[in-house]
Protein backbone atom coordinates (compact mmCIF):
# COMPACT_ATOMS: atom_id res chain seq x y z
CA MET A 1 -110.39 0.71 0.96
CA ASN A 2 -109.80 3.07 -1.98
CA LYS A 3 -113.37 4.36 -1.66
CA LEU A 4 -112.79 5.16 2.02
CA LYS A 5 -109.53 6.96 1.19
CA THR A 6 -111.34 9.01 -1.45
CA THR A 7 -114.12 9.87 1.01
CA ILE A 8 -111.63 11.08 3.63
CA CYS A 9 -109.81 13.26 1.10
CA ALA A 10 -113.09 14.68 -0.18
CA ALA A 11 -114.17 15.50 3.37
CA CYS A 12 -110.93 17.40 3.98
CA THR A 13 -111.47 19.42 0.81
CA LEU A 14 -115.08 20.16 1.75
CA VAL A 15 -114.14 21.33 5.24
CA LEU A 16 -111.45 23.67 3.94
CA ALA A 17 -113.73 25.04 1.23
CA SER A 18 -116.51 25.73 3.70
CA ALA A 19 -114.33 27.20 6.46
CA GLY A 20 -115.13 30.76 5.48
CA THR A 21 -118.88 30.20 5.56
CA ILE A 22 -119.12 28.87 9.14
CA SER A 23 -119.28 31.83 11.49
CA LEU A 24 -121.05 30.52 14.61
CA ALA A 25 -118.59 27.75 15.46
CA ASP A 26 -116.61 28.02 18.69
CA SER A 27 -113.63 25.68 19.13
CA SER A 28 -113.43 26.34 22.88
CA ASN A 29 -116.55 24.21 23.38
CA PHE A 30 -114.53 21.16 22.29
CA ALA A 31 -111.19 22.01 23.93
CA GLY A 32 -109.60 20.27 26.88
CA PRO A 33 -109.05 16.72 28.15
CA TYR A 34 -111.59 13.96 27.60
CA ILE A 35 -112.21 10.28 28.14
CA GLY A 36 -114.61 8.03 26.26
CA PHE A 37 -115.87 4.48 26.00
CA GLN A 38 -116.23 2.90 22.56
CA GLY A 39 -118.29 0.29 20.81
CA PHE A 40 -116.74 -1.20 17.64
CA ALA A 41 -117.87 -3.15 14.62
CA ALA A 42 -114.86 -4.32 12.60
CA GLY A 43 -113.95 -6.69 9.81
CA ALA A 44 -110.60 -7.86 8.43
CA ALA A 45 -109.51 -8.14 4.81
CA VAL A 46 -106.40 -10.21 4.13
CA ASP A 47 -104.14 -10.80 1.15
CA GLY A 48 -102.13 -13.89 2.07
CA LYS A 49 -100.27 -16.88 0.68
CA SER A 50 -97.96 -19.72 1.59
CA ARG A 51 -94.91 -20.86 -0.34
CA GLU A 52 -92.85 -24.03 -0.27
CA THR A 53 -89.23 -24.06 -1.35
CA GLY A 54 -88.13 -27.12 -3.32
CA SER A 55 -85.60 -29.55 -1.88
CA ASP A 56 -82.95 -28.32 -4.33
CA GLY A 57 -83.16 -24.89 -2.77
CA SER A 58 -83.97 -23.16 -6.04
CA THR A 59 -87.44 -24.22 -7.08
CA GLN A 60 -90.34 -22.52 -5.34
CA VAL A 61 -93.83 -23.96 -5.53
CA ASN A 62 -96.91 -21.89 -4.68
CA THR A 63 -99.40 -24.04 -2.83
CA THR A 64 -103.16 -23.82 -3.24
CA ASP A 65 -103.59 -22.68 0.35
CA THR A 66 -106.07 -19.87 1.01
CA VAL A 67 -106.33 -17.26 3.71
CA THR A 68 -109.62 -16.36 5.34
CA ALA A 69 -110.47 -13.68 7.85
CA GLY A 70 -112.93 -13.93 10.66
CA LYS A 71 -116.43 -12.52 10.31
CA ALA A 72 -117.21 -8.98 11.39
CA THR A 73 -116.79 -8.74 15.14
CA PHE A 74 -117.98 -6.40 17.85
CA ALA A 75 -115.71 -5.13 20.60
CA ALA A 76 -115.41 -2.48 23.28
CA GLY A 77 -112.62 -0.04 24.03
CA VAL A 78 -111.58 3.15 25.76
CA GLU A 79 -109.97 6.38 24.57
CA ALA A 80 -108.43 9.43 26.20
CA GLY A 81 -107.05 12.61 24.72
CA TYR A 82 -106.73 16.37 24.68
CA ALA A 83 -108.14 18.82 22.14
CA LEU A 84 -106.04 21.98 21.74
CA PRO A 85 -107.68 25.06 20.12
CA MET A 86 -105.85 26.50 17.11
CA GLY A 87 -108.10 29.50 16.55
CA SER A 88 -111.82 30.16 16.78
CA MET A 89 -112.81 27.19 14.59
CA PHE A 90 -109.94 24.70 14.50
CA LEU A 91 -108.44 22.27 17.00
CA ILE A 92 -105.72 19.64 17.13
CA ASP A 93 -106.93 16.55 18.96
CA VAL A 94 -104.25 14.14 20.23
CA GLY A 95 -104.95 10.94 22.13
CA ALA A 96 -104.80 7.18 22.40
CA SER A 97 -107.32 4.35 22.22
CA TYR A 98 -107.31 0.73 23.34
CA THR A 99 -109.50 -2.12 22.11
CA SER A 100 -109.50 -5.65 23.51
CA GLY A 101 -111.20 -7.28 20.52
CA GLU A 102 -109.80 -10.21 18.56
CA ALA A 103 -109.47 -11.15 14.89
CA LYS A 104 -108.37 -14.51 13.50
CA LEU A 105 -106.64 -15.09 10.18
CA GLN A 106 -106.37 -18.68 8.98
CA HIS A 107 -104.34 -20.45 6.31
CA GLU A 108 -106.20 -23.55 5.14
CA THR A 109 -104.34 -26.13 3.07
CA ASP A 110 -105.85 -28.56 0.59
CA ASP A 111 -104.03 -31.38 2.41
CA SER A 112 -106.66 -33.89 3.52
CA LEU A 113 -104.84 -34.25 6.83
CA GLY A 114 -104.85 -30.51 7.38
CA SER A 115 -101.18 -30.63 8.35
CA GLY A 116 -100.53 -27.17 6.91
CA ASN A 117 -103.37 -25.37 8.65
CA VAL A 118 -102.22 -22.42 10.75
CA THR A 119 -104.06 -19.62 12.54
CA PHE A 120 -102.95 -16.10 13.42
CA LYS A 121 -104.76 -14.42 16.30
CA VAL A 122 -104.59 -10.61 16.48
CA ASP A 123 -105.73 -8.76 19.62
CA GLN A 124 -104.88 -5.96 22.09
CA PHE A 125 -105.25 -3.10 19.60
CA VAL A 126 -103.66 0.24 20.56
CA THR A 127 -103.68 3.44 18.49
CA PHE A 128 -101.96 6.77 19.12
CA TYR A 129 -103.57 9.46 17.01
CA ILE A 130 -103.72 13.08 15.95
CA ALA A 131 -106.97 14.48 14.55
CA PRO A 132 -107.22 17.95 12.97
CA THR A 133 -110.72 19.11 13.86
CA MET A 134 -113.04 21.81 12.59
CA ALA A 135 -115.92 23.14 14.67
CA LEU A 136 -119.06 23.26 12.54
CA SER A 137 -121.22 24.82 15.27
CA ASP A 138 -121.12 25.33 19.02
CA THR A 139 -121.91 21.64 19.55
CA SER A 140 -120.77 19.78 16.42
CA SER A 141 -117.35 19.19 14.84
CA LEU A 142 -115.80 17.21 12.00
CA TYR A 143 -112.33 15.64 12.08
CA VAL A 144 -109.88 13.58 10.07
CA LYS A 145 -107.66 11.20 12.06
CA LEU A 146 -104.17 9.81 11.43
CA GLY A 147 -102.91 7.21 13.87
CA LEU A 148 -100.06 4.81 14.54
CA SER A 149 -101.47 1.43 15.54
CA GLU A 150 -100.07 -1.67 17.22
CA ALA A 151 -101.52 -5.10 17.94
CA ASP A 152 -100.34 -8.33 19.54
CA ILE A 153 -100.17 -11.46 17.42
CA GLY A 154 -100.19 -15.14 18.38
CA VAL A 155 -100.16 -18.31 16.28
CA SER A 156 -101.32 -21.90 16.39
CA GLY A 157 -99.70 -24.63 14.33
CA ASP A 158 -96.10 -25.71 13.78
CA ILE A 159 -94.85 -22.23 12.85
CA GLY A 160 -92.77 -19.47 14.40
CA THR A 161 -94.43 -16.46 16.03
CA PRO A 162 -93.92 -13.31 13.93
CA SER A 163 -93.33 -9.82 15.30
CA ASP A 164 -96.31 -7.88 16.61
CA LEU A 165 -98.24 -5.83 14.09
CA ARG A 166 -97.70 -2.13 13.43
CA GLY A 167 -99.54 0.04 10.97
CA GLU A 168 -101.30 3.28 10.10
CA THR A 169 -104.89 4.25 10.81
CA TRP A 170 -106.95 6.70 8.76
CA ALA A 171 -110.45 7.77 9.77
CA ILE A 172 -113.10 10.43 9.47
CA GLY A 173 -115.65 11.26 12.14
CA THR A 174 -117.89 13.71 13.95
CA ARG A 175 -117.98 14.76 17.59
CA THR A 176 -120.98 16.34 19.29
CA VAL A 177 -120.48 17.93 22.73
CA LEU A 178 -123.36 18.87 25.02
CA ASP A 179 -123.32 21.75 27.52
CA SER A 180 -122.81 19.23 30.32
CA GLY A 181 -119.52 18.08 28.77
CA VAL A 182 -120.92 14.74 27.61
CA PHE A 183 -119.97 13.97 24.02
CA ILE A 184 -120.85 11.48 21.31
CA ARG A 185 -118.29 10.56 18.66
CA THR A 186 -118.99 8.58 15.49
CA GLU A 187 -116.12 7.38 13.31
CA ALA A 188 -115.35 5.21 10.29
CA GLY A 189 -111.85 4.22 9.30
CA TYR A 190 -109.34 1.52 8.46
CA THR A 191 -105.93 0.30 9.60
CA GLU A 192 -103.27 -1.09 7.25
CA TYR A 193 -100.78 -3.25 9.12
CA ASN A 194 -97.30 -4.35 8.14
CA GLY A 195 -97.14 -7.83 6.65
CA ILE A 196 -97.10 -11.02 8.72
CA SER A 197 -94.24 -13.31 7.74
CA THR A 198 -93.18 -16.61 9.31
CA HIS A 199 -92.25 -20.20 8.44
CA GLY A 200 -92.68 -23.75 9.64
CA LYS A 201 -90.71 -25.06 12.61
CA GLY A 202 -90.17 -28.51 11.13
CA GLY A 203 -91.67 -30.56 13.94
CA ALA A 204 -89.96 -33.87 14.68
CA SER A 205 -92.79 -36.08 13.47
CA GLY A 206 -96.53 -36.34 13.01
CA VAL A 207 -99.05 -34.99 10.54
CA LYS A 208 -98.99 -31.53 12.21
CA ALA A 209 -95.33 -30.90 11.40
CA ILE A 210 -94.70 -28.08 8.90
CA PRO A 211 -91.32 -28.04 7.11
CA THR A 212 -89.01 -25.09 7.66
CA THR A 213 -89.04 -24.63 3.89
CA THR A 214 -92.71 -23.63 4.03
CA SER A 215 -93.32 -19.92 4.64
CA PHE A 216 -96.51 -18.01 5.36
CA ALA A 217 -97.31 -14.37 4.64
CA ALA A 218 -100.36 -12.15 5.08
CA GLU A 219 -101.13 -8.44 4.82
CA PRO A 220 -104.11 -7.64 7.07
CA THR A 221 -106.26 -4.55 6.80
CA ILE A 222 -109.03 -3.86 9.32
CA ALA A 223 -111.98 -1.60 8.50
CA TYR A 224 -114.17 -0.40 11.35
CA GLY A 225 -117.01 1.78 12.48
CA LYS A 226 -117.37 2.94 16.06
CA VAL A 227 -119.42 5.06 18.42
CA SER A 228 -117.93 6.66 21.54
CA LEU A 229 -119.68 8.09 24.56
CA GLY A 230 -117.55 10.15 26.87
CA PHE A 231 -116.99 13.31 28.89
CA ARG A 232 -114.99 16.47 28.22
CA PHE A 233 -113.52 17.92 31.41
């Protein structure tokens, strides 16, 4: 993720440094409302752990549980927004996107009965964004995006359901608009969500019961690449 952050910052610096050398760009070609349909490839990285509090209430024992994220997945989505000109070369693009994809995060215990196994399912991704944009030519532009993202979360296993995820999205991308109004957008970015935190419910009996003294935590980050095809009105 640090490499992607560095790339985004470097792109911002390059755009600002080259602003005075681009004379044929026209921001009006990108201005106005738009709608697009997206294809995603995304993968999740997770730093997670579980912890069991001792019966005396003071001793905490870290278990050997691990957290794994699902393989890279492909999903579809939709976006809509408005690009407002801020001069002959610059625009402010504001909008929202929705993706119906799903990611699964799983805690796997070393218990032979698997009584501590739990799964978090994350889906229904929504992002509200602002994207400062620079027109590189009459048809091509470069932008950096900052977004506020939300996602629903569900669980399986004898644990409580945590609050839905919220986080920040950073991305860099290009947008090419044809004379007909059709555009193609390519983008790479990542979303850092707030941590997931929950604990066992302490089921009445059975090997699937997880004590209330056992807690689970994970900090998911999703990296993605996407291509959008849409129309500027």
